[in-house]
PDB file of all heavy atoms in Angstrom:
ATOM      1  N   ARG A   1       0.864  -1.186   0.000  1.00  0.00           N
ATOM      2  CA  ARG A   1       0.000   0.000   0.000  1.00  0.00           C
ATOM      3  C   ARG A   1       0.897   1.231   0.000  1.00  0.00           C
ATOM      4  O   ARG A   1       2.019   1.194   0.521  1.00  0.00           O
ATOM      5  CB  ARG A   1      -0.921   0.011   1.222  1.00  0.00           C
ATOM      6  CG  ARG A   1      -0.195   0.077   2.563  1.00  0.00           C
ATOM      7  CD  ARG A   1      -1.166  -0.120   3.710  1.00  0.00           C
ATOM      8  NE  ARG A   1      -0.465  -0.164   4.998  1.00  0.00           N
ATOM      9  CZ  ARG A   1      -0.973  -0.692   6.105  1.00  0.00           C
ATOM     10  NH1 ARG A   1      -2.197  -1.229   6.098  1.00  0.00           N
ATOM     11  NH2 ARG A   1      -0.286  -0.697   7.228  1.00  0.00           N
ATOM     12  N   PRO A   2       0.435   2.347  -0.576  1.00  0.00           N
ATOM     13  CA  PRO A   2       1.240   3.570  -0.586  1.00  0.00           C
ATOM     14  C   PRO A   2       1.467   4.082   0.828  1.00  0.00           C
ATOM     15  O   PRO A   2       0.701   3.770   1.744  1.00  0.00           O
ATOM     16  CB  PRO A   2       0.389   4.555  -1.400  1.00  0.00           C
ATOM     17  CG  PRO A   2      -0.604   3.720  -2.124  1.00  0.00           C
ATOM     18  CD  PRO A   2      -0.848   2.516  -1.263  1.00  0.00           C
ATOM     19  N   HIS A   3       2.535   4.865   0.999  1.00  0.00           N
ATOM     20  CA  HIS A   3       2.810   5.464   2.304  1.00  0.00           C
ATOM     21  C   HIS A   3       3.023   6.957   2.140  1.00  0.00           C
ATOM     22  O   HIS A   3       3.660   7.410   1.175  1.00  0.00           O
ATOM     23  CB  HIS A   3       4.042   4.830   2.952  1.00  0.00           C
ATOM     24  CG  HIS A   3       4.132   5.097   4.411  1.00  0.00           C
ATOM     25  ND1 HIS A   3       4.665   6.261   4.932  1.00  0.00           N
ATOM     26  CD2 HIS A   3       3.723   4.374   5.485  1.00  0.00           C
ATOM     27  CE1 HIS A   3       4.593   6.231   6.244  1.00  0.00           C
ATOM     28  NE2 HIS A   3       4.032   5.095   6.611  1.00  0.00           N
ATOM     29  N   ALA A   4       2.518   7.714   3.110  1.00  0.00           N
ATOM     30  CA  ALA A   4       2.502   9.172   2.994  1.00  0.00           C
ATOM     31  C   ALA A   4       3.884   9.811   3.053  1.00  0.00           C
ATOM     32  O   ALA A   4       4.048  10.954   2.621  1.00  0.00           O
ATOM     33  CB  ALA A   4       1.618   9.765   4.093  1.00  0.00           C
ATOM     34  N   LEU A   5       4.888   9.127   3.563  1.00  0.00           N
ATOM     35  CA  LEU A   5       6.202   9.750   3.717  1.00  0.00           C
ATOM     36  C   LEU A   5       6.888  10.061   2.392  1.00  0.00           C
ATOM     37  O   LEU A   5       7.701  10.979   2.310  1.00  0.00           O
ATOM     38  CB  LEU A   5       7.111   8.856   4.573  1.00  0.00           C
ATOM     39  CG  LEU A   5       6.972   9.023   6.083  1.00  0.00           C
ATOM     40  CD1 LEU A   5       7.827   7.990   6.813  1.00  0.00           C
ATOM     41  CD2 LEU A   5       7.362  10.429   6.514  1.00  0.00           C
ATOM     42  N   SER A   6       6.586   9.298   1.363  1.00  0.00           N
ATOM     43  CA  SER A   6       7.221   9.537   0.066  1.00  0.00           C
ATOM     44  C   SER A   6       6.318   9.033  -1.047  1.00  0.00           C
ATOM     45  O   SER A   6       5.689   7.970  -0.912  1.00  0.00           O
ATOM     46  CB  SER A   6       8.577   8.821  -0.014  1.00  0.00           C
ATOM     47  OG  SER A   6       9.120   8.940  -1.317  1.00  0.00           O
ATOM     48  N   PRO A   7       6.245   9.752  -2.163  1.00  0.00           N
ATOM     49  CA  PRO A   7       5.424   9.278  -3.285  1.00  0.00           C
ATOM     50  C   PRO A   7       5.943   7.995  -3.915  1.00  0.00           C
ATOM     51  O   PRO A   7       5.208   7.333  -4.655  1.00  0.00           O
ATOM     52  CB  PRO A   7       5.476  10.451  -4.280  1.00  0.00           C
ATOM     53  CG  PRO A   7       6.682  11.238  -3.907  1.00  0.00           C
ATOM     54  CD  PRO A   7       6.836  11.075  -2.427  1.00  0.00           C
ATOM     55  N   THR A   8       7.192   7.633  -3.631  1.00  0.00           N
ATOM     56  CA  THR A   8       7.751   6.394  -4.202  1.00  0.00           C
ATOM     57  C   THR A   8       7.663   5.217  -3.230  1.00  0.00           C
ATOM     58  O   THR A   8       8.088   4.117  -3.575  1.00  0.00           O
ATOM     59  CB  THR A   8       9.223   6.602  -4.591  1.00  0.00           C
ATOM     60  OG1 THR A   8       9.973   7.007  -3.428  1.00  0.00           O
ATOM     61  CG2 THR A   8       9.363   7.656  -5.676  1.00  0.00           C
ATOM     62  N   ALA A   9       7.129   5.429  -2.025  1.00  0.00           N
ATOM     63  CA  ALA A   9       7.164   4.401  -0.980  1.00  0.00           C
ATOM     64  C   ALA A   9       5.945   3.489  -1.037  1.00  0.00           C
ATOM     65  O   ALA A   9       4.805   3.950  -1.111  1.00  0.00           O
ATOM     66  CB  ALA A   9       7.257   5.051   0.395  1.00  0.00           C
ATOM     67  N   LEU A  10       6.203   2.188  -0.990  1.00  0.00           N
ATOM     68  CA  LEU A  10       5.165   1.177  -0.826  1.00  0.00           C
ATOM     69  C   LEU A  10       5.463   0.393   0.447  1.00  0.00           C
ATOM     70  O   LEU A  10       6.584  -0.103   0.617  1.00  0.00           O
ATOM     71  CB  LEU A  10       5.134   0.219  -2.018  1.00  0.00           C
ATOM     72  CG  LEU A  10       4.738   0.787  -3.384  1.00  0.00           C
ATOM     73  CD1 LEU A  10       4.864  -0.303  -4.448  1.00  0.00           C
ATOM     74  CD2 LEU A  10       3.321   1.348  -3.356  1.00  0.00           C
ATOM     75  N   GLU A  11       4.486   0.285   1.327  1.00  0.00           N
ATOM     76  CA  GLU A  11       4.642  -0.538   2.531  1.00  0.00           C
ATOM     77  C   GLU A  11       4.140  -1.944   2.233  1.00  0.00           C
ATOM     78  O   GLU A  11       3.023  -2.123   1.739  1.00  0.00           O
ATOM     79  CB  GLU A  11       3.858   0.056   3.695  1.00  0.00           C
ATOM     80  CG  GLU A  11       4.004  -0.746   4.981  1.00  0.00           C
ATOM     81  CD  GLU A  11       3.251  -0.151   6.156  1.00  0.00           C
ATOM     82  OE1 GLU A  11       2.612   0.908   5.978  1.00  0.00           O
ATOM     83  OE2 GLU A  11       3.303  -0.747   7.248  1.00  0.00           O
ATOM     84  N   VAL A  12       4.961  -2.923   2.526  1.00  0.00           N
ATOM     85  CA  VAL A  12       4.583  -4.318   2.285  1.00  0.00           C
ATOM     86  C   VAL A  12       3.695  -4.789   3.434  1.00  0.00           C
ATOM     87  O   VAL A  12       4.104  -4.756   4.594  1.00  0.00           O
ATOM     88  CB  VAL A  12       5.822  -5.219   2.158  1.00  0.00           C
ATOM     89  CG1 VAL A  12       5.408  -6.665   1.925  1.00  0.00           C
ATOM     90  CG2 VAL A  12       6.717  -4.735   1.017  1.00  0.00           C
ATOM     91  N   VAL A  13       2.497  -5.226   3.112  1.00  0.00           N
ATOM     92  CA  VAL A  13       1.560  -5.678   4.141  1.00  0.00           C
ATOM     93  C   VAL A  13       1.393  -7.193   4.142  1.00  0.00           C
ATOM     94  O   VAL A  13       0.856  -7.758   5.097  1.00  0.00           O
ATOM     95  CB  VAL A  13       0.187  -4.986   3.980  1.00  0.00           C
ATOM     96  CG1 VAL A  13       0.329  -3.492   4.226  1.00  0.00           C
ATOM     97  CG2 VAL A  13      -0.417  -5.235   2.608  1.00  0.00           C
ATOM     98  N   ALA A  14       1.879  -7.867   3.103  1.00  0.00           N
ATOM     99  CA  ALA A  14       1.844  -9.337   3.056  1.00  0.00           C
ATOM    100  C   ALA A  14       2.844  -9.810   2.004  1.00  0.00           C
ATOM    101  O   ALA A  14       3.028  -9.161   0.972  1.00  0.00           O
ATOM    102  CB  ALA A  14       0.448  -9.848   2.717  1.00  0.00           C
ATOM    103  N   GLY A  15       3.493 -10.924   2.308  1.00  0.00           N
ATOM    104  CA  GLY A  15       4.423 -11.519   1.349  1.00  0.00           C
ATOM    105  C   GLY A  15       5.803 -10.902   1.334  1.00  0.00           C
ATOM    106  O   GLY A  15       6.516 -10.990   0.326  1.00  0.00           O
ATOM    107  N   ALA A  16       6.236 -10.319   2.461  1.00  0.00           N
ATOM    108  CA  ALA A  16       7.536  -9.637   2.499  1.00  0.00           C
ATOM    109  C   ALA A  16       8.688 -10.565   2.127  1.00  0.00           C
ATOM    110  O   ALA A  16       9.663 -10.132   1.493  1.00  0.00           O
ATOM    111  CB  ALA A  16       7.769  -9.037   3.880  1.00  0.00           C
ATOM    112  N   ARG A  17       8.596 -11.815   2.506  1.00  0.00           N
ATOM    113  CA  ARG A  17       9.693 -12.743   2.232  1.00  0.00           C
ATOM    114  C   ARG A  17       9.771 -13.116   0.749  1.00  0.00           C
ATOM    115  O   ARG A  17      10.724 -13.766   0.319  1.00  0.00           O
ATOM    116  CB  ARG A  17       9.552 -13.998   3.096  1.00  0.00           C
ATOM    117  CG  ARG A  17       9.598 -13.701   4.597  1.00  0.00           C
ATOM    118  CD  ARG A  17       9.644 -14.977   5.430  1.00  0.00           C
ATOM    119  NE  ARG A  17       9.386 -14.711   6.841  1.00  0.00           N
ATOM    120  CZ  ARG A  17      10.278 -14.270   7.711  1.00  0.00           C
ATOM    121  NH1 ARG A  17      11.504 -14.035   7.309  1.00  0.00           N
ATOM    122  NH2 ARG A  17       9.951 -14.062   8.979  1.00  0.00           N
ATOM    123  N   ARG A  18       8.790 -12.708  -0.044  1.00  0.00           N
ATOM    124  CA  ARG A  18       8.807 -13.016  -1.475  1.00  0.00           C
ATOM    125  C   ARG A  18       9.405 -11.891  -2.305  1.00  0.00           C
ATOM    126  O   ARG A  18       9.576 -12.055  -3.520  1.00  0.00           O
ATOM    127  CB  ARG A  18       7.377 -13.282  -1.961  1.00  0.00           C
ATOM    128  CG  ARG A  18       6.699 -14.463  -1.285  1.00  0.00           C
ATOM    129  CD  ARG A  18       5.283 -14.634  -1.800  1.00  0.00           C
ATOM    130  NE  ARG A  18       4.590 -15.715  -1.106  1.00  0.00           N
ATOM    131  CZ  ARG A  18       3.317 -16.029  -1.284  1.00  0.00           C
ATOM    132  NH1 ARG A  18       2.591 -15.316  -2.143  1.00  0.00           N
ATOM    133  NH2 ARG A  18       2.762 -17.016  -0.623  1.00  0.00           N
ATOM    134  N   VAL A  19       9.694 -10.765  -1.685  1.00  0.00           N
ATOM    135  CA  VAL A  19      10.160  -9.611  -2.460  1.00  0.00           C
ATOM    136  C   VAL A  19      11.405  -9.946  -3.257  1.00  0.00           C
ATOM    137  O   VAL A  19      11.495  -9.676  -4.469  1.00  0.00           O
ATOM    138  CB  VAL A  19      10.425  -8.403  -1.530  1.00  0.00           C
ATOM    139  CG1 VAL A  19      11.156  -7.293  -2.289  1.00  0.00           C
ATOM    140  CG2 VAL A  19       9.125  -7.873  -0.952  1.00  0.00           C
ATOM    141  N   HIS A  20      12.421 -10.545  -2.600  1.00  0.00           N
ATOM    142  CA  HIS A  20      13.681 -10.839  -3.289  1.00  0.00           C
ATOM    143  C   HIS A  20      13.513 -11.862  -4.413  1.00  0.00           C
ATOM    144  O   HIS A  20      14.368 -11.948  -5.300  1.00  0.00           O
ATOM    145  CB  HIS A  20      14.727 -11.346  -2.290  1.00  0.00           C
ATOM    146  CG  HIS A  20      15.393 -10.251  -1.519  1.00  0.00           C
ATOM    147  ND1 HIS A  20      15.094  -9.985  -0.202  1.00  0.00           N
ATOM    148  CD2 HIS A  20      16.321  -9.340  -1.883  1.00  0.00           C
ATOM    149  CE1 HIS A  20      15.828  -8.961   0.207  1.00  0.00           C
ATOM    150  NE2 HIS A  20      16.581  -8.550  -0.790  1.00  0.00           N
ATOM    151  N   LEU A  21      12.439 -12.634  -4.381  1.00  0.00           N
ATOM    152  CA  LEU A  21      12.206 -13.645  -5.400  1.00  0.00           C
ATOM    153  C   LEU A  21      11.361 -13.120  -6.550  1.00  0.00           C
ATOM    154  O   LEU A  21      11.166 -13.822  -7.537  1.00  0.00           O
ATOM    155  CB  LEU A  21      11.510 -14.860  -4.769  1.00  0.00           C
ATOM    156  CG  LEU A  21      12.231 -15.525  -3.591  1.00  0.00           C
ATOM    157  CD1 LEU A  21      11.370 -16.641  -3.016  1.00  0.00           C
ATOM    158  CD2 LEU A  21      13.584 -16.059  -4.028  1.00  0.00           C
ATOM    159  N   SER A  22      10.866 -11.902  -6.428  1.00  0.00           N
ATOM    160  CA  SER A  22       9.940 -11.370  -7.425  1.00  0.00           C
ATOM    161  C   SER A  22      10.677 -10.867  -8.664  1.00  0.00           C
ATOM    162  O   SER A  22      11.822 -10.426  -8.604  1.00  0.00           O
ATOM    163  CB  SER A  22       9.111 -10.235  -6.820  1.00  0.00           C
ATOM    164  OG  SER A  22       9.927  -9.088  -6.587  1.00  0.00           O
ATOM    165  N   ARG A  23       9.977 -10.896  -9.799  1.00  0.00           N
ATOM    166  CA  ARG A  23      10.539 -10.353 -11.032  1.00  0.00           C
ATOM    167  C   ARG A  23      10.638  -8.833 -10.940  1.00  0.00           C
ATOM    168  O   ARG A  23      11.551  -8.222 -11.509  1.00  0.00           O
ATOM    169  CB  ARG A  23       9.672 -10.772 -12.230  1.00  0.00           C
ATOM    170  CG  ARG A  23       9.788 -12.251 -12.582  1.00  0.00           C
ATOM    171  CD  ARG A  23       9.012 -12.574 -13.845  1.00  0.00           C
ATOM    172  NE  ARG A  23       9.494 -11.825 -14.999  1.00  0.00           N
ATOM    173  CZ  ARG A  23      10.535 -12.162 -15.740  1.00  0.00           C
ATOM    174  NH1 ARG A  23      11.224 -13.262 -15.434  1.00  0.00           N
ATOM    175  NH2 ARG A  23      10.889 -11.438 -16.776  1.00  0.00           N
ATOM    176  N   ALA A  24       9.714  -8.224 -10.214  1.00  0.00           N
ATOM    177  CA  ALA A  24       9.747  -6.769 -10.049  1.00  0.00           C
ATOM    178  C   ALA A  24      11.062  -6.331  -9.404  1.00  0.00           C
ATOM    179  O   ALA A  24      11.658  -5.320  -9.793  1.00  0.00           O
ATOM    180  CB  ALA A  24       8.559  -6.303  -9.223  1.00  0.00           C
ATOM    181  N   PHE A  25      11.521  -7.110  -8.427  1.00  0.00           N
ATOM    182  CA  PHE A  25      12.797  -6.801  -7.769  1.00  0.00           C
ATOM    183  C   PHE A  25      13.962  -7.097  -8.719  1.00  0.00           C
ATOM    184  O   PHE A  25      14.873  -6.282  -8.865  1.00  0.00           O
ATOM    185  CB  PHE A  25      12.932  -7.622  -6.488  1.00  0.00           C
ATOM    186  CG  PHE A  25      14.213  -7.381  -5.744  1.00  0.00           C
ATOM    187  CD1 PHE A  25      14.362  -6.282  -4.922  1.00  0.00           C
ATOM    188  CD2 PHE A  25      15.290  -8.260  -5.874  1.00  0.00           C
ATOM    189  CE1 PHE A  25      15.560  -6.046  -4.239  1.00  0.00           C
ATOM    190  CE2 PHE A  25      16.478  -8.045  -5.204  1.00  0.00           C
ATOM    191  CZ  PHE A  25      16.607  -6.928  -4.385  1.00  0.00           C
ATOM    192  N   ALA A  26      13.926  -8.258  -9.372  1.00  0.00           N
ATOM    193  CA  ALA A  26      15.024  -8.645 -10.264  1.00  0.00           C
ATOM    194  C   ALA A  26      15.185  -7.677 -11.428  1.00  0.00           C
ATOM    195  O   ALA A  26      16.298  -7.457 -11.922  1.00  0.00           O
ATOM    196  CB  ALA A  26      14.780 -10.060 -10.786  1.00  0.00           C
ATOM    197  N   GLU A  27      14.097  -7.062 -11.858  1.00  0.00           N
ATOM    198  CA  GLU A  27      14.135  -6.154 -13.003  1.00  0.00           C
ATOM    199  C   GLU A  27      14.361  -4.704 -12.604  1.00  0.00           C
ATOM    200  O   GLU A  27      14.315  -3.809 -13.459  1.00  0.00           O
ATOM    201  CB  GLU A  27      12.839  -6.293 -13.799  1.00  0.00           C
ATOM    202  CG  GLU A  27      12.682  -7.660 -14.453  1.00  0.00           C
ATOM    203  CD  GLU A  27      11.321  -7.860 -15.100  1.00  0.00           C
ATOM    204  OE1 GLU A  27      10.532  -6.875 -15.139  1.00  0.00           O
ATOM    205  OE2 GLU A  27      11.040  -8.973 -15.562  1.00  0.00           O
ATOM    206  N   GLY A  28      14.600  -4.453 -11.315  1.00  0.00           N
ATOM    207  CA  GLY A  28      14.934  -3.108 -10.872  1.00  0.00           C
ATOM    208  C   GLY A  28      13.761  -2.179 -10.667  1.00  0.00           C
ATOM    209  O   GLY A  28      13.949  -0.962 -10.503  1.00  0.00           O
ATOM    210  N   LEU A  29      12.545  -2.716 -10.649  1.00  0.00           N
ATOM    211  CA  LEU A  29      11.367  -1.871 -10.435  1.00  0.00           C
ATOM    212  C   LEU A  29      11.265  -1.387  -8.994  1.00  0.00           C
ATOM    213  O   LEU A  29      10.684  -0.329  -8.725  1.00  0.00           O
ATOM    214  CB  LEU A  29      10.090  -2.633 -10.812  1.00  0.00           C
ATOM    215  CG  LEU A  29       9.879  -2.909 -12.296  1.00  0.00           C
ATOM    216  CD1 LEU A  29       8.708  -3.855 -12.494  1.00  0.00           C
ATOM    217  CD2 LEU A  29       9.637  -1.611 -13.037  1.00  0.00           C
TER     218      LEU A  29
END
C-alpha cells in the first residue's frame, strides 16, 4: 500500500519474504 512519507514508498503488508524472489525486484522496479 502507498505510504505518505514519500510518493515512491510502498509498505509491504503481506508476502515480504517473497520480495527478493519477485521479477519486479530482479528487473529493478
